[in-house]
Structures are given as C-alpha cells and as structure tokens.
Amino acid sequence: MTEHNFEQMRKAMVASQLRTTGINDPRVIAAMGAVPRERFVPADRIAIAYADTLVPLGKGRELNSPMSLGRLLTEAAPQPADRALVIGAATGYAAAVLSQMVASVVALEEDPALAAAAKNALKGIKVKLVEGPLNQGQKAGAPYDLILIDGAVEQIPDAIIAQLAENGRLAAAMLDDGVSRISIGRRGGTGFGMAAVSDAASAILPGFDKPRGFTF
C-alpha cells in the first residue's frame, strides 16, 4: 500500500469510526488524523491498521481499536500543559497520539518485544519509553496530570493512583463481568473515584486482575 492509501484510510477512520461514535473533540480528531497508525502494527497486520477492530500483537496482547482509544482520550480531556503517563504502551500508538496534545509523555511497557517495536516506531516522536511492570506504573516520573491505561483492567492498583497529581485524571477501560467500560477517574486529596462512561471493546492488559475469592 502507498502512503496515499494510508492517508485516505486515516481520513476514513476519522469520518466513519470516530465522528460517528461521538468522538468530536477537535484535538483528539486532529491527533488521530495525523499519527500514521500503520507504523505501529506488525507488518503482517498492516492491512487492518485502520480497521475498527483490535489488532493482535502476539502473546495475547492487542492494539486497541481507534474508537476505544478515541473515547479514552476524549474522556481524559488532555491539556497542553499536562505531564502524561501511558500504561500498556504496546507498540507506542497511544503514546504517539497523546504526544500531539500534551507537554510530555512517558510510555510504560513490560513486554521486551513490544517495547523494542515501540522504540522503533516512536523514532522522531517526543515520547520517553520505559520498561517495567505495568501494574506498578512509573514512579520516577510522577506526579502525572494524566494517566492513560491503554486497555481493559479489573482494578487500578494503589501504586498507580498514588502517581496522580492533585486533581489528576486517569482514563481506562474497566472490566466488569467480562464487559469493558470506558471510565474516567480523578484524584482529590487522599480520595480517588472512577465513573463509567460507555461500553467499548478494549484490549485486556495483564497484571490487573482482582484477587479471586476461595471457592469449593
């Protein structure tokens, strides 16, 4: 496929996947329309780079659909002065998009192969890529005005909540009985609360399972 093909596919993604699902924040639309998503998918999956689907990345990991990321970013309301953390960077697409809207981005990934792919795809993009356990966040760069968990999780660890600045926001897809719901949270003092916004299929991230109770 030529660069022109991908440019047309990006425009189609914006028109048919974002705007039709209520993603109308001009900055989100502009950022997702500018970042070449094809750079962030495996070569054998490039034909579905802009499809309304999760893109398999190997070892059970997936790249979130454009609609899911668009909803997360819209609810997170990134601001130009924000210091942001992306948890579950995978190949770096969400971090690249977010870098168009905020002052700085730290991208955290624990899988070495995905981190290597992200390092390559993010060349020339102002994102600091770090490797480490996703469920621990990245304390070294805290506090963050915005934490974006790019995937579905069952719970938000206290270690990650502690890395939010006062009035900081956290956006994630929360898993509840197998259903993922785009949710937004905010930290105020010692408190933190999240509210679900809408259902959206999202890539499930490892390491965020709730403890299972004992059963016979």
C-alpha atoms as a PDB file:
ATOM      1  CA  MET A   1       0.000   0.000   0.000  1.00  0.00           C
ATOM      2  CA  THR A   2       1.192   3.519  -0.747  1.00  0.00           C
ATOM      3  CA  GLU A   3       1.402   6.430   1.682  1.00  0.00           C
ATOM      4  CA  HIS A   4      -1.550   7.938  -0.172  1.00  0.00           C
ATOM      5  CA  ASN A   5      -3.628   4.842   0.590  1.00  0.00           C
ATOM      6  CA  PHE A   6      -2.866   5.179   4.309  1.00  0.00           C
ATOM      7  CA  GLU A   7      -3.708   8.871   4.291  1.00  0.00           C
ATOM      8  CA  GLN A   8      -7.115   8.064   2.828  1.00  0.00           C
ATOM      9  CA  MET A   9      -7.580   5.292   5.376  1.00  0.00           C
ATOM     10  CA  ARG A  10      -6.834   7.724   8.222  1.00  0.00           C
ATOM     11  CA  LYS A  11      -9.433  10.131   6.876  1.00  0.00           C
ATOM     12  CA  ALA A  12     -11.947   7.285   6.615  1.00  0.00           C
ATOM     13  CA  MET A  13     -11.159   6.234  10.197  1.00  0.00           C
ATOM     14  CA  VAL A  14     -11.901   9.735  11.451  1.00  0.00           C
ATOM     15  CA  ALA A  15     -15.105  10.033   9.454  1.00  0.00           C
ATOM     16  CA  SER A  16     -16.573   6.566   9.977  1.00  0.00           C
ATOM     17  CA  GLN A  17     -15.184   5.364  13.323  1.00  0.00           C
ATOM     18  CA  LEU A  18     -14.579   8.483  15.405  1.00  0.00           C
ATOM     19  CA  ARG A  19     -17.137  11.113  14.459  1.00  0.00           C
ATOM     20  CA  THR A  20     -19.963   8.575  14.193  1.00  0.00           C
ATOM     21  CA  THR A  21     -19.381   7.399  17.770  1.00  0.00           C
ATOM     22  CA  GLY A  22     -19.425  10.828  19.393  1.00  0.00           C
ATOM     23  CA  ILE A  23     -15.677  11.477  19.337  1.00  0.00           C
ATOM     24  CA  ASN A  24     -15.742  15.121  18.335  1.00  0.00           C
ATOM     25  CA  ASP A  25     -13.005  16.718  20.443  1.00  0.00           C
ATOM     26  CA  PRO A  26     -11.082  18.709  17.790  1.00  0.00           C
ATOM     27  CA  ARG A  27      -7.688  17.986  19.359  1.00  0.00           C
ATOM     28  CA  VAL A  28      -8.330  14.229  19.568  1.00  0.00           C
ATOM     29  CA  ILE A  29      -9.564  14.191  15.971  1.00  0.00           C
ATOM     30  CA  ALA A  30      -6.531  16.169  14.786  1.00  0.00           C
ATOM     31  CA  ALA A  31      -4.028  13.996  16.642  1.00  0.00           C
ATOM     32  CA  MET A  32      -5.510  10.695  15.488  1.00  0.00           C
ATOM     33  CA  GLY A  33      -5.761  12.048  11.966  1.00  0.00           C
ATOM     34  CA  ALA A  34      -2.091  12.998  11.982  1.00  0.00           C
ATOM     35  CA  VAL A  35      -0.329   9.968  13.500  1.00  0.00           C
ATOM     36  CA  PRO A  36       0.383   7.184  10.959  1.00  0.00           C
ATOM     37  CA  ARG A  37      -1.180   4.177  12.719  1.00  0.00           C
ATOM     38  CA  GLU A  38       0.358   1.822  10.141  1.00  0.00           C
ATOM     39  CA  ARG A  39       3.765   2.423  11.763  1.00  0.00           C
ATOM     40  CA  PHE A  40       2.531   0.785  14.958  1.00  0.00           C
ATOM     41  CA  VAL A  41       1.133  -2.534  13.710  1.00  0.00           C
ATOM     42  CA  PRO A  42       3.059  -5.693  12.750  1.00  0.00           C
ATOM     43  CA  ALA A  43       3.928  -5.912   9.064  1.00  0.00           C
ATOM     44  CA  ASP A  44       1.641  -8.913   8.577  1.00  0.00           C
ATOM     45  CA  ARG A  45      -1.308  -6.965  10.052  1.00  0.00           C
ATOM     46  CA  ILE A  46      -0.813  -3.724   8.176  1.00  0.00           C
ATOM     47  CA  ALA A  47      -3.927  -4.255   6.057  1.00  0.00           C
ATOM     48  CA  ILE A  48      -6.090  -3.881   9.190  1.00  0.00           C
ATOM     49  CA  ALA A  49      -4.153  -0.939  10.654  1.00  0.00           C
ATOM     50  CA  TYR A  50      -7.220   1.312  10.407  1.00  0.00           C
ATOM     51  CA  ALA A  51      -9.945  -1.305  10.831  1.00  0.00           C
ATOM     52  CA  ASP A  52     -12.489  -0.955  13.627  1.00  0.00           C
ATOM     53  CA  THR A  53     -11.008  -3.892  15.496  1.00  0.00           C
ATOM     54  CA  LEU A  54      -8.349  -4.957  17.972  1.00  0.00           C
ATOM     55  CA  VAL A  55      -5.054  -5.732  16.225  1.00  0.00           C
ATOM     56  CA  PRO A  56      -3.232  -8.868  17.502  1.00  0.00           C
ATOM     57  CA  LEU A  57       0.353  -8.159  18.564  1.00  0.00           C
ATOM     58  CA  GLY A  58       1.331 -11.609  19.838  1.00  0.00           C
ATOM     59  CA  LYS A  59       1.497 -13.268  23.291  1.00  0.00           C
ATOM     60  CA  GLY A  60      -2.126 -12.359  23.958  1.00  0.00           C
ATOM     61  CA  ARG A  61      -1.576  -8.612  23.604  1.00  0.00           C
ATOM     62  CA  GLU A  62      -3.578  -6.435  21.217  1.00  0.00           C
ATOM     63  CA  LEU A  63      -3.565  -2.864  19.932  1.00  0.00           C
ATOM     64  CA  ASN A  64      -6.731  -1.050  20.940  1.00  0.00           C
ATOM     65  CA  SER A  65      -9.210  -0.095  18.246  1.00  0.00           C
ATOM     66  CA  PRO A  66      -9.230   3.546  17.089  1.00  0.00           C
ATOM     67  CA  MET A  67     -12.705   4.031  18.578  1.00  0.00           C
ATOM     68  CA  SER A  68     -11.679   2.744  22.008  1.00  0.00           C
ATOM     69  CA  LEU A  69      -8.594   4.981  22.133  1.00  0.00           C
ATOM     70  CA  GLY A  70     -10.591   7.928  20.837  1.00  0.00           C
ATOM     71  CA  ARG A  71     -13.164   7.502  23.602  1.00  0.00           C
ATOM     72  CA  LEU A  72     -10.464   7.201  26.262  1.00  0.00           C
ATOM     73  CA  LEU A  73      -8.741  10.370  25.073  1.00  0.00           C
ATOM     74  CA  THR A  74     -11.983  12.315  24.751  1.00  0.00           C
ATOM     75  CA  GLU A  75     -12.975  11.492  28.332  1.00  0.00           C
ATOM     76  CA  ALA A  76      -9.437  12.169  29.608  1.00  0.00           C
ATOM     77  CA  ALA A  77      -9.517  15.687  28.096  1.00  0.00           C
ATOM     78  CA  PRO A  78      -5.726  16.097  27.662  1.00  0.00           C
ATOM     79  CA  GLN A  79      -4.445  19.638  28.267  1.00  0.00           C
ATOM     80  CA  PRO A  80      -1.404  21.308  26.631  1.00  0.00           C
ATOM     81  CA  ALA A  81       0.479  21.594  29.937  1.00  0.00           C
ATOM     82  CA  ASP A  82      -0.198  18.010  31.073  1.00  0.00           C
ATOM     83  CA  ARG A  83       2.533  15.591  32.086  1.00  0.00           C
ATOM     84  CA  ALA A  84       1.146  12.219  30.998  1.00  0.00           C
ATOM     85  CA  LEU A  85       1.840   8.530  31.548  1.00  0.00           C
ATOM     86  CA  VAL A  86       0.638   5.822  29.157  1.00  0.00           C
ATOM     87  CA  ILE A  87       0.442   2.381  30.767  1.00  0.00           C
ATOM     88  CA  GLY A  88       0.400  -0.536  28.358  1.00  0.00           C
ATOM     89  CA  ALA A  89       2.217   1.306  25.601  1.00  0.00           C
ATOM     90  CA  ALA A  90       2.424  -1.831  23.412  1.00  0.00           C
ATOM     91  CA  THR A  91       3.877  -0.609  20.092  1.00  0.00           C
ATOM     92  CA  GLY A  92       3.530   3.057  21.082  1.00  0.00           C
ATOM     93  CA  TYR A  93       0.496   4.260  19.116  1.00  0.00           C
ATOM     94  CA  ALA A  94      -1.494   5.748  22.013  1.00  0.00           C
ATOM     95  CA  ALA A  95       1.633   7.489  23.321  1.00  0.00           C
ATOM     96  CA  ALA A  96       2.329   8.944  19.878  1.00  0.00           C
ATOM     97  CA  VAL A  97      -1.216  10.283  19.595  1.00  0.00           C
ATOM     98  CA  LEU A  98      -1.172  11.713  23.118  1.00  0.00           C
ATOM     99  CA  SER A  99       2.184  13.408  22.474  1.00  0.00           C
ATOM    100  CA  GLN A 100       0.382  15.646  19.978  1.00  0.00           C
ATOM    101  CA  MET A 101      -1.774  17.100  22.760  1.00  0.00           C
ATOM    102  CA  VAL A 102       0.261  17.370  25.964  1.00  0.00           C
ATOM    103  CA  ALA A 103       3.583  18.737  27.214  1.00  0.00           C
ATOM    104  CA  SER A 104       5.294  15.389  27.883  1.00  0.00           C
ATOM    105  CA  VAL A 105       4.568  11.673  27.678  1.00  0.00           C
ATOM    106  CA  VAL A 106       6.132   8.717  29.451  1.00  0.00           C
ATOM    107  CA  ALA A 107       5.175   5.375  27.872  1.00  0.00           C
ATOM    108  CA  LEU A 108       5.422   2.224  30.004  1.00  0.00           C
ATOM    109  CA  GLU A 109       5.633  -1.295  28.549  1.00  0.00           C
ATOM    110  CA  GLU A 110       6.676  -4.558  30.210  1.00  0.00           C
ATOM    111  CA  ASP A 111       6.966  -6.897  27.213  1.00  0.00           C
ATOM    112  CA  PRO A 112      10.516  -6.652  25.748  1.00  0.00           C
ATOM    113  CA  ALA A 113       9.419  -7.401  22.171  1.00  0.00           C
ATOM    114  CA  LEU A 114       6.655  -4.796  22.240  1.00  0.00           C
ATOM    115  CA  ALA A 115       8.987  -2.269  23.862  1.00  0.00           C
ATOM    116  CA  ALA A 116      11.508  -2.839  21.080  1.00  0.00           C
ATOM    117  CA  ALA A 117       8.794  -2.340  18.456  1.00  0.00           C
ATOM    118  CA  ALA A 118       7.659   0.834  20.211  1.00  0.00           C
ATOM    119  CA  LYS A 119      11.206   2.183  20.348  1.00  0.00           C
ATOM    120  CA  ASN A 120      11.479   1.783  16.597  1.00  0.00           C
ATOM    121  CA  ALA A 121       8.016   3.168  15.792  1.00  0.00           C
ATOM    122  CA  LEU A 122       8.440   6.175  18.089  1.00  0.00           C
ATOM    123  CA  LYS A 123      11.654   7.435  16.468  1.00  0.00           C
ATOM    124  CA  GLY A 124      11.363  11.178  15.989  1.00  0.00           C
ATOM    125  CA  ILE A 125       8.344  11.434  18.328  1.00  0.00           C
ATOM    126  CA  LYS A 126       8.687  13.144  21.705  1.00  0.00           C
ATOM    127  CA  VAL A 127       7.877  10.208  23.977  1.00  0.00           C
ATOM    128  CA  LYS A 128      10.021   8.735  26.774  1.00  0.00           C
ATOM    129  CA  LEU A 129       9.728   4.945  26.598  1.00  0.00           C
ATOM    130  CA  VAL A 130      10.433   2.921  29.742  1.00  0.00           C
ATOM    131  CA  GLU A 131      10.222  -0.798  30.535  1.00  0.00           C
ATOM    132  CA  GLY A 132       8.733  -2.207  33.723  1.00  0.00           C
ATOM    133  CA  PRO A 133       5.700  -3.922  35.265  1.00  0.00           C
ATOM    134  CA  LEU A 134       2.514  -2.278  34.018  1.00  0.00           C
ATOM    135  CA  ASN A 135       0.706  -2.617  37.336  1.00  0.00           C
ATOM    136  CA  GLN A 136       3.376  -0.587  39.142  1.00  0.00           C
ATOM    137  CA  GLY A 137       3.226   2.470  36.908  1.00  0.00           C
ATOM    138  CA  GLN A 138       6.337   4.648  36.620  1.00  0.00           C
ATOM    139  CA  LYS A 139       7.023   6.330  39.949  1.00  0.00           C
ATOM    140  CA  ALA A 140      10.214   8.020  38.730  1.00  0.00           C
ATOM    141  CA  GLY A 141       8.255  10.461  36.546  1.00  0.00           C
ATOM    142  CA  ALA A 142       5.384  11.134  38.959  1.00  0.00           C
ATOM    143  CA  PRO A 143       3.239  13.032  39.668  1.00  0.00           C
ATOM    144  CA  TYR A 144       1.267  12.936  36.406  1.00  0.00           C
ATOM    145  CA  ASP A 145      -1.623  15.176  35.458  1.00  0.00           C
ATOM    146  CA  LEU A 146      -2.987  12.383  33.275  1.00  0.00           C
ATOM    147  CA  ILE A 147      -2.568   8.617  33.336  1.00  0.00           C
ATOM    148  CA  LEU A 148      -3.919   6.720  30.339  1.00  0.00           C
ATOM    149  CA  ILE A 149      -4.211   2.956  30.751  1.00  0.00           C
ATOM    150  CA  ASP A 150      -4.474   1.828  27.155  1.00  0.00           C
ATOM    151  CA  GLY A 151      -6.526  -1.294  27.696  1.00  0.00           C
ATOM    152  CA  ALA A 152      -9.036  -3.061  29.918  1.00  0.00           C
ATOM    153  CA  VAL A 153      -8.267  -3.826  33.579  1.00  0.00           C
ATOM    154  CA  GLU A 154     -10.219  -5.184  36.532  1.00  0.00           C
ATOM    155  CA  GLN A 155      -8.749  -2.824  39.103  1.00  0.00           C
ATOM    156  CA  ILE A 156      -6.491   0.216  39.467  1.00  0.00           C
ATOM    157  CA  PRO A 157      -3.581  -0.532  41.835  1.00  0.00           C
ATOM    158  CA  ASP A 158      -2.951   1.938  44.651  1.00  0.00           C
ATOM    159  CA  ALA A 159       0.620   2.350  43.381  1.00  0.00           C
ATOM    160  CA  ILE A 160      -0.717   3.887  40.171  1.00  0.00           C
ATOM    161  CA  ILE A 161      -3.298   6.105  41.878  1.00  0.00           C
ATOM    162  CA  ALA A 162      -0.510   7.477  44.086  1.00  0.00           C
ATOM    163  CA  GLN A 163       1.297   8.686  40.960  1.00  0.00           C
ATOM    164  CA  LEU A 164      -1.523  11.084  40.028  1.00  0.00           C
ATOM    165  CA  ALA A 165      -1.121  14.762  40.778  1.00  0.00           C
ATOM    166  CA  GLU A 166      -3.787  16.587  42.792  1.00  0.00           C
ATOM    167  CA  ASN A 167      -6.876  16.749  40.539  1.00  0.00           C
ATOM    168  CA  GLY A 168      -5.097  14.410  38.132  1.00  0.00           C
ATOM    169  CA  ARG A 169      -7.199  12.274  35.788  1.00  0.00           C
ATOM    170  CA  LEU A 170      -6.983   8.598  34.964  1.00  0.00           C
ATOM    171  CA  ALA A 171      -8.660   7.036  31.928  1.00  0.00           C
ATOM    172  CA  ALA A 172      -9.054   3.288  31.464  1.00  0.00           C
ATOM    173  CA  ALA A 173     -11.485   0.623  30.330  1.00  0.00           C
ATOM    174  CA  MET A 174     -12.715  -1.160  33.451  1.00  0.00           C
ATOM    175  CA  LEU A 175     -13.674  -4.831  33.182  1.00  0.00           C
ATOM    176  CA  ASP A 176     -16.890  -5.858  34.918  1.00  0.00           C
ATOM    177  CA  ASP A 177     -18.217  -9.389  34.345  1.00  0.00           C
ATOM    178  CA  GLY A 178     -16.393  -9.556  31.041  1.00  0.00           C
ATOM    179  CA  VAL A 179     -17.698  -6.187  29.798  1.00  0.00           C
ATOM    180  CA  SER A 180     -15.211  -3.335  29.342  1.00  0.00           C
ATOM    181  CA  ARG A 181     -16.439   0.177  30.070  1.00  0.00           C
ATOM    182  CA  ILE A 182     -14.568   3.371  29.275  1.00  0.00           C
ATOM    183  CA  SER A 183     -14.130   5.079  32.645  1.00  0.00           C
ATOM    184  CA  ILE A 184     -12.617   8.290  33.943  1.00  0.00           C
ATOM    185  CA  GLY A 185     -11.253   8.882  37.431  1.00  0.00           C
ATOM    186  CA  ARG A 186      -9.922  11.860  39.345  1.00  0.00           C
ATOM    187  CA  ARG A 187      -7.743  12.199  42.422  1.00  0.00           C
ATOM    188  CA  GLY A 188      -8.629  14.748  45.074  1.00  0.00           C
ATOM    189  CA  GLY A 189      -6.589  14.834  48.274  1.00  0.00           C
ATOM    190  CA  THR A 190      -6.471  11.262  49.572  1.00  0.00           C
ATOM    191  CA  GLY A 191      -9.558  10.250  47.619  1.00  0.00           C
ATOM    192  CA  PHE A 192      -9.964   8.737  44.176  1.00  0.00           C
ATOM    193  CA  GLY A 193     -13.101   7.815  42.305  1.00  0.00           C
ATOM    194  CA  MET A 194     -13.975   6.479  38.870  1.00  0.00           C
ATOM    195  CA  ALA A 195     -17.159   6.662  36.827  1.00  0.00           C
ATOM    196  CA  ALA A 196     -18.078   4.554  33.805  1.00  0.00           C
ATOM    197  CA  VAL A 197     -18.964   6.451  30.645  1.00  0.00           C
ATOM    198  CA  SER A 198     -19.720   3.908  27.923  1.00  0.00           C
ATOM    199  CA  ASP A 199     -19.115   0.320  26.853  1.00  0.00           C
ATOM    200  CA  ALA A 200     -16.297  -0.316  24.388  1.00  0.00           C
ATOM    201  CA  ALA A 201     -14.369  -3.436  23.434  1.00  0.00           C
ATOM    202  CA  SER A 202     -10.806  -2.963  24.650  1.00  0.00           C
ATOM    203  CA  ALA A 203      -7.570  -4.922  24.691  1.00  0.00           C
ATOM    204  CA  ILE A 204      -7.121  -6.663  28.053  1.00  0.00           C
ATOM    205  CA  LEU A 205      -3.893  -5.850  29.881  1.00  0.00           C
ATOM    206  CA  PRO A 206      -2.095  -8.442  32.043  1.00  0.00           C
ATOM    207  CA  GLY A 207      -1.416  -7.970  35.743  1.00  0.00           C
ATOM    208  CA  PHE A 208      -4.546  -6.071  36.787  1.00  0.00           C
ATOM    209  CA  ASP A 209      -6.749  -8.979  37.905  1.00  0.00           C
ATOM    210  CA  LYS A 210      -8.763  -8.718  41.110  1.00  0.00           C
ATOM    211  CA  PRO A 211      -7.909 -11.317  43.761  1.00  0.00           C
ATOM    212  CA  ARG A 212     -10.180 -14.324  43.383  1.00  0.00           C
ATOM    213  CA  GLY A 213     -12.137 -15.473  46.433  1.00  0.00           C
ATOM    214  CA  PHE A 214     -11.919 -19.063  47.632  1.00  0.00           C
ATOM    215  CA  THR A 215     -14.477 -21.447  46.137  1.00  0.00           C
ATOM    216  CA  PHE A 216     -15.088 -25.174  46.600  1.00  0.00           C
END
